Protein backbone atom coordinates (compact mmCIF):
# COMPACT_ATOMS: atom_id res chain seq x y z
CA MET A 1 0.00 0.00 0.00
CA THR A 2 2.38 2.63 -1.29
CA ALA A 3 0.09 5.59 -1.87
CA ASP A 4 -3.32 7.02 -1.26
CA ALA A 5 -5.72 5.92 -3.99
CA ALA A 6 -9.40 5.86 -4.87
CA GLY A 7 -9.39 2.08 -4.78
CA SER A 8 -7.00 -0.76 -5.59
CA PRO A 9 -4.79 0.56 -8.40
CA PRO A 10 -5.00 -1.27 -11.74
CA ALA A 11 -2.12 -3.39 -13.00
CA GLU A 12 0.08 -1.68 -15.55
CA VAL A 13 1.50 -4.90 -16.99
CA GLU A 14 0.04 -8.35 -17.54
CA ILE A 15 2.01 -10.97 -15.63
CA THR A 16 1.20 -14.48 -16.81
CA GLU A 17 2.61 -17.82 -15.79
CA ALA A 18 4.11 -18.14 -19.28
CA LEU A 19 5.93 -14.81 -18.89
CA VAL A 20 7.27 -15.76 -15.47
CA ARG A 21 8.46 -19.13 -16.76
CA THR A 22 10.27 -17.42 -19.63
CA LEU A 23 11.96 -14.93 -17.29
CA LEU A 24 13.18 -17.82 -15.18
CA GLN A 25 14.46 -19.71 -18.23
CA ASP A 26 16.41 -16.65 -19.34
CA GLN A 27 17.83 -15.53 -16.00
CA HIS A 28 17.68 -18.47 -13.56
CA PRO A 29 17.49 -21.60 -15.72
CA ASP A 30 18.24 -23.89 -12.80
CA LEU A 31 14.90 -22.82 -11.26
CA ALA A 32 12.83 -22.85 -14.44
CA GLY A 33 11.72 -26.46 -14.13
CA LEU A 34 10.23 -26.11 -10.64
CA PRO A 35 6.44 -26.11 -10.18
CA LEU A 36 4.97 -22.62 -10.51
CA ALA A 37 1.64 -21.42 -9.14
CA ALA A 38 0.06 -17.99 -8.85
CA GLU A 39 -0.58 -16.99 -5.22
CA GLY A 40 -2.40 -13.69 -5.70
CA GLU A 41 -1.61 -10.01 -5.96
CA GLY A 42 -1.64 -6.88 -3.86
CA TRP A 43 -1.63 -3.19 -4.65
CA ASP A 44 1.92 -3.30 -6.00
CA ASN A 45 3.08 -6.86 -6.70
CA VAL A 46 2.09 -10.29 -7.98
CA MET A 47 3.23 -13.39 -6.08
CA PHE A 48 3.97 -16.88 -7.38
CA ARG A 49 5.06 -19.94 -5.47
CA LEU A 50 8.09 -21.65 -6.98
CA GLY A 51 8.64 -25.23 -5.94
CA GLU A 52 8.34 -26.01 -2.23
CA ASP A 53 10.70 -23.44 -0.77
CA LEU A 54 10.70 -20.34 -2.99
CA ALA A 55 8.42 -17.51 -4.09
CA LEU A 56 8.55 -14.91 -6.84
CA ARG A 57 7.57 -11.29 -6.38
CA LEU A 58 7.01 -9.19 -9.48
CA PRO A 59 5.80 -5.55 -9.63
CA ARG A 60 2.48 -5.03 -11.37
CA ARG A 61 2.95 -1.26 -11.68
CA ALA A 62 5.89 1.08 -12.15
CA VAL A 63 5.90 2.57 -8.65
CA ALA A 64 6.82 -0.83 -7.21
CA ASP A 65 9.98 -1.25 -9.29
CA ASP A 66 11.93 1.03 -6.95
CA LEU A 67 10.38 -0.74 -3.95
CA ILE A 68 11.59 -4.14 -5.14
CA ARG A 69 15.07 -2.75 -5.75
CA ARG A 70 14.99 -1.27 -2.23
CA GLU A 71 14.25 -4.70 -0.75
CA GLN A 72 16.99 -6.25 -2.86
CA ARG A 73 19.55 -3.79 -1.54
CA TRP A 74 18.64 -3.51 2.12
CA LEU A 75 16.82 -6.61 3.36
CA PRO A 76 19.85 -8.93 3.15
CA GLN A 77 21.65 -6.49 5.48
CA LEU A 78 18.78 -6.15 7.96
CA ALA A 79 17.46 -9.72 8.05
CA PRO A 80 20.25 -11.29 10.16
CA HIS A 81 19.58 -8.80 12.95
CA LEU A 82 15.81 -9.28 13.21
CA SER A 83 13.94 -11.63 15.51
CA LEU A 84 11.46 -12.94 12.91
CA PRO A 85 11.86 -13.99 9.27
CA VAL A 86 11.67 -11.37 6.53
CA PRO A 87 11.79 -12.02 2.75
CA ALA A 88 15.40 -11.16 1.97
CA PRO A 89 15.82 -12.02 -1.73
CA VAL A 90 17.84 -15.14 -2.54
CA ARG A 91 18.04 -14.25 -6.24
CA THR A 92 17.26 -11.10 -8.22
CA GLY A 93 15.71 -10.68 -11.64
CA MET A 94 15.91 -7.88 -14.15
CA PRO A 95 13.60 -6.58 -16.91
CA GLY A 96 13.27 -8.83 -19.93
CA ARG A 97 10.95 -10.27 -22.58
CA GLY A 98 8.92 -7.06 -22.55
CA TYR A 99 8.52 -7.08 -18.78
CA PRO A 100 9.90 -3.70 -17.61
CA PHE A 101 10.65 -4.14 -13.90
CA ALA A 102 13.10 -5.75 -11.49
CA TRP A 103 11.79 -8.81 -9.63
CA SER A 104 12.89 -11.13 -6.83
CA VAL A 105 13.15 -14.77 -5.88
CA LEU A 106 12.35 -15.04 -2.17
CA PRO A 107 12.08 -17.73 0.49
CA TRP A 108 8.60 -19.18 0.83
CA PHE A 109 7.13 -18.80 4.31
CA GLU A 110 4.33 -21.06 5.50
CA GLY A 111 1.41 -19.30 7.15
CA GLU A 112 -1.68 -17.23 6.51
CA THR A 113 -1.94 -13.47 6.51
CA ALA A 114 -2.96 -12.03 9.86
CA ASP A 115 -6.32 -10.79 8.59
CA LEU A 116 -7.30 -14.43 7.98
CA SER A 117 -5.43 -16.05 10.88
CA ARG A 118 -5.11 -13.74 13.85
CA PRO A 119 -2.08 -13.96 16.14
CA ASP A 120 -2.61 -15.12 19.69
CA ALA A 121 -2.72 -12.40 22.31
CA SER A 122 0.43 -13.93 23.78
CA GLU A 123 2.31 -12.74 20.68
CA ALA A 124 2.06 -9.09 21.78
CA PRO A 125 5.58 -9.03 23.29
CA VAL A 126 6.88 -10.76 20.16
CA LEU A 127 5.54 -7.94 17.98
CA ALA A 128 7.01 -5.36 20.34
CA GLY A 129 10.40 -7.04 20.32
CA PHE A 130 10.45 -7.34 16.55
CA LEU A 131 9.54 -3.69 16.00
CA ARG A 132 12.04 -2.55 18.59
CA ALA A 133 14.73 -4.59 16.80
CA VAL A 134 13.86 -2.85 13.53
CA HIS A 135 13.80 0.58 15.10
CA THR A 136 17.14 0.21 16.88
CA LEU A 137 19.16 -0.99 13.87
CA PRO A 138 21.82 1.58 12.97
CA LEU A 139 20.78 3.84 10.11
CA PRO A 140 23.20 3.97 7.18
CA PRO A 141 24.34 7.34 5.81
CA ASP A 142 22.06 6.85 2.79
CA PRO A 143 18.79 5.21 3.93
CA PRO A 144 16.12 4.92 1.25
CA ALA A 145 13.84 7.92 0.90
CA ASN A 146 10.08 7.48 1.09
CA PRO A 147 7.94 10.63 1.26
CA VAL A 148 4.80 8.49 1.55
CA ARG A 149 5.90 7.16 4.96
CA ASP A 150 8.67 9.53 6.03
CA CYS A 151 6.39 12.48 6.63
CA PRO A 152 4.58 14.00 9.59
CA LEU A 153 1.02 12.83 10.11
CA THR A 154 -0.08 16.31 9.04
CA GLY A 155 1.10 15.38 5.55
CA LYS A 156 -1.81 12.93 5.44
CA GLN A 157 -4.36 15.33 6.90
CA ALA A 158 -6.23 16.63 3.87
CA ASP A 159 -6.72 13.28 2.16
CA THR A 160 -7.47 11.39 5.37
CA GLU A 161 -10.07 13.92 6.46
CA ARG A 162 -11.70 13.78 3.02
CA ARG A 163 -12.03 10.03 3.41
CA MET A 164 -13.21 10.39 7.00
CA ALA A 165 -16.02 12.65 5.81
CA ILE A 166 -17.17 9.97 3.37
CA LEU A 167 -17.05 7.29 6.06
CA ARG A 168 -18.78 9.55 8.57
CA ALA A 169 -21.66 10.01 6.17
CA GLU A 170 -21.95 6.38 5.09
CA THR A 171 -20.79 4.27 8.08
CA ASP A 172 -20.58 4.39 11.86
CA ALA A 173 -16.80 3.81 11.85
CA ILE A 174 -15.77 7.40 12.57
CA THR A 175 -16.62 7.54 16.25
CA PRO A 176 -15.86 10.38 18.67
CA GLN A 177 -12.95 8.29 19.94
CA VAL A 178 -11.52 7.98 16.42
CA GLU A 179 -11.95 11.73 15.92
CA ARG A 180 -10.07 12.40 19.16
CA ALA A 181 -7.28 9.98 18.29
CA TRP A 182 -6.83 11.70 14.93
CA ALA A 183 -6.80 15.23 16.32
CA ALA A 184 -4.39 14.26 19.09
CA GLY A 185 -2.10 12.45 16.66
CA LEU A 186 -1.89 15.52 14.44
CA ALA A 187 -0.95 17.69 17.39
CA ALA A 188 1.51 15.35 19.12
CA PRO A 189 5.20 16.28 19.01
CA VAL A 190 7.70 13.91 17.42
CA ASP A 191 9.88 12.93 20.38
CA LEU A 192 12.07 10.31 18.69
CA PRO A 193 14.82 10.56 16.09
CA LYS A 194 14.23 8.91 12.75
CA SER A 195 14.95 5.19 12.67
CA TRP A 196 14.58 2.31 10.29
CA ILE A 197 10.87 1.58 9.83
CA ALA A 198 9.19 -1.22 7.92
CA GLY A 199 6.70 1.35 6.71
CA ASP A 200 3.67 -0.82 5.91
CA VAL A 201 2.98 -3.25 8.75
CA HIS A 202 -0.65 -4.18 8.20
CA ALA A 203 -2.38 -7.52 8.57
CA ARG A 204 -1.90 -8.66 4.96
CA ASN A 205 1.85 -8.07 5.30
CA VAL A 206 2.19 -10.33 8.34
CA LEU A 207 2.07 -14.13 8.26
CA VAL A 208 0.77 -16.20 11.16
CA ARG A 209 1.06 -19.95 11.69
CA ASN A 210 -0.63 -21.76 14.57
CA GLY A 211 -1.28 -18.46 16.28
CA ARG A 212 2.39 -17.38 16.14
CA PHE A 213 4.02 -14.78 13.96
CA ALA A 214 5.72 -16.60 11.09
CA ALA A 215 7.14 -13.76 8.97
CA PHE A 216 6.84 -10.06 8.19
CA ILE A 217 6.60 -9.58 4.44
CA ASP A 218 6.51 -6.68 1.96
CA TRP A 219 9.26 -4.23 2.88
CA GLY A 220 9.00 -1.99 -0.15
CA ASP A 221 8.12 1.02 2.02
CA MET A 222 11.11 0.62 4.34
CA CYS A 223 12.89 3.89 5.04
CA ALA A 224 14.07 6.19 7.81
CA GLY A 225 11.03 7.58 9.56
CA ASP A 226 8.95 7.89 12.72
CA PRO A 227 8.65 4.55 14.59
CA ALA A 228 5.05 5.48 15.43
CA THR A 229 4.07 4.56 11.86
CA ASP A 230 4.98 0.92 12.54
CA LEU A 231 3.49 0.93 16.03
CA ALA A 232 0.10 1.63 14.45
CA SER A 233 0.11 -2.09 13.60
CA ILE A 234 -0.75 -2.87 17.23
CA TRP A 235 -4.37 -1.90 16.45
CA GLY A 236 -4.27 -3.62 13.09
CA LEU A 237 -3.07 -6.98 14.40
CA PHE A 238 -4.55 -7.59 17.86
CA GLY A 239 -8.25 -7.87 18.57
CA GLU A 240 -7.79 -8.13 22.33
CA ALA A 241 -7.40 -4.92 24.33
CA ASP A 242 -5.12 -6.72 26.79
CA ALA A 243 -2.80 -7.72 23.94
CA ARG A 244 -2.63 -4.16 22.67
CA ARG A 245 -1.76 -2.91 26.15
CA ALA A 246 0.88 -5.63 26.50
CA ALA A 247 2.50 -4.69 23.18
CA ILE A 248 2.62 -1.01 24.14
CA GLU A 249 4.12 -1.85 27.55
CA ALA A 250 6.65 -4.31 26.13
CA TYR A 251 7.88 -1.81 23.55
CA GLY A 252 8.16 1.00 26.07
CA VAL A 253 6.20 3.64 24.19
CA SER A 254 6.39 7.26 25.36
CA ALA A 255 3.19 9.23 25.80
CA ALA A 256 3.78 11.33 22.67
CA THR A 257 4.74 8.31 20.55
CA LEU A 258 1.64 6.44 21.70
CA VAL A 259 -0.54 9.37 20.62
CA ARG A 260 1.18 9.52 17.22
CA ALA A 261 0.84 5.75 16.82
CA ARG A 262 -2.91 6.01 17.41
CA GLY A 263 -3.04 8.79 14.83
CA TRP A 264 -1.24 6.62 12.28
CA ALA A 265 -3.64 3.78 13.14
CA VAL A 266 -6.52 6.12 12.25
CA PHE A 267 -4.82 6.83 8.92
CA TYR A 268 -4.41 3.11 8.15
CA GLY A 269 -7.92 2.29 9.30
CA VAL A 270 -9.50 5.06 7.25
CA ILE A 271 -7.63 4.36 4.01
CA LEU A 272 -8.15 0.60 4.25
CA LEU A 273 -11.85 0.94 4.99
CA GLU A 274 -12.63 3.70 2.51
CA THR A 275 -10.75 2.16 -0.43
CA GLY A 276 -11.68 -1.39 0.53
CA ARG A 277 -15.41 -0.60 0.47
CA GLN A 278 -15.01 0.04 -3.23
CA ASP A 279 -13.33 -3.16 -4.34
CA ASN A 280 -11.57 -5.10 -1.56
CA PRO A 281 -13.70 -6.49 1.29
CA ARG A 282 -10.64 -7.83 3.12
CA HIS A 283 -9.09 -4.37 3.26
CA ALA A 284 -12.42 -2.89 4.32
CA LYS A 285 -12.67 -5.30 7.25
CA MET A 286 -9.07 -4.61 8.26
CA GLY A 287 -9.80 -0.89 8.33
CA ALA A 288 -13.07 -1.28 10.21
CA ASP A 289 -11.42 -3.54 12.78
CA THR A 290 -8.59 -1.05 13.34
CA LEU A 291 -10.99 1.83 13.94
CA ALA A 292 -13.20 -0.29 16.21
CA ARG A 293 -10.18 -1.24 18.35
CA LEU A 294 -9.18 2.40 18.72
CA THR A 295 -12.75 3.16 19.75
CA GLU A 296 -12.63 0.41 22.36
CA ASP A 297 -9.30 1.55 23.79
CA LEU A 298 -10.36 5.18 24.04
CA GLY A 299 -13.97 4.60 25.12
């Protein structure tokens, strides 16, 4: 989810199994004979499973080409220092056969996305520890830039409030508690230096297996930014108020950062619900759940 949009953005290229097989034959012939199966697509990329242990990730629109290249450069450096698996590429692919973008061969992780298989409440400290590990990694002199995520919450104000007005008129999701969380988040000072952030930690970018976190996927939005953007995932991932409190306590969130994190959770909830109502029921439910959890916590 790399940008604000009216709905799920259309694909800019057609990615077929035949094209993927040809790219493999040209660039990684030793993998070309493995079984290949489409696994679905998101806003930015198409996924295929390759054999038992590998996956392919190919951009479906131009904006994701830079994001794939970002993962290819940085994830192999970050992955060894993180407490949960992330999809550091094992091979890289380049444009070819009319396909214009870079692409990656990744490890395959077993599990379901967290919107379909929720993590146990006991995983709250695990989330906190993982995010803290990300946020305390040393920043390089040249971290990737990302104005979509590395911006103050006020940079999202006009578009978010336009969407909130639509939801206010058509749903009951924009409660007084959500309104307060948004206003407070906009006003809260940034009390932390920039750090590495994953940048897009929502339920479809987290895999769960048997109630445990299995992997954190899709790092195309990684950059130097405000850790509060990642901490918004607490409301996106945990349905239990006790789990949300445990994650906040385990991370050690300051008062100002907690307020900003709630504000970013409003942003995620609003954009997922408002765009999802148009063409993606899973996103709509994720957004509605996030806003309902904020309402519960601030009721």
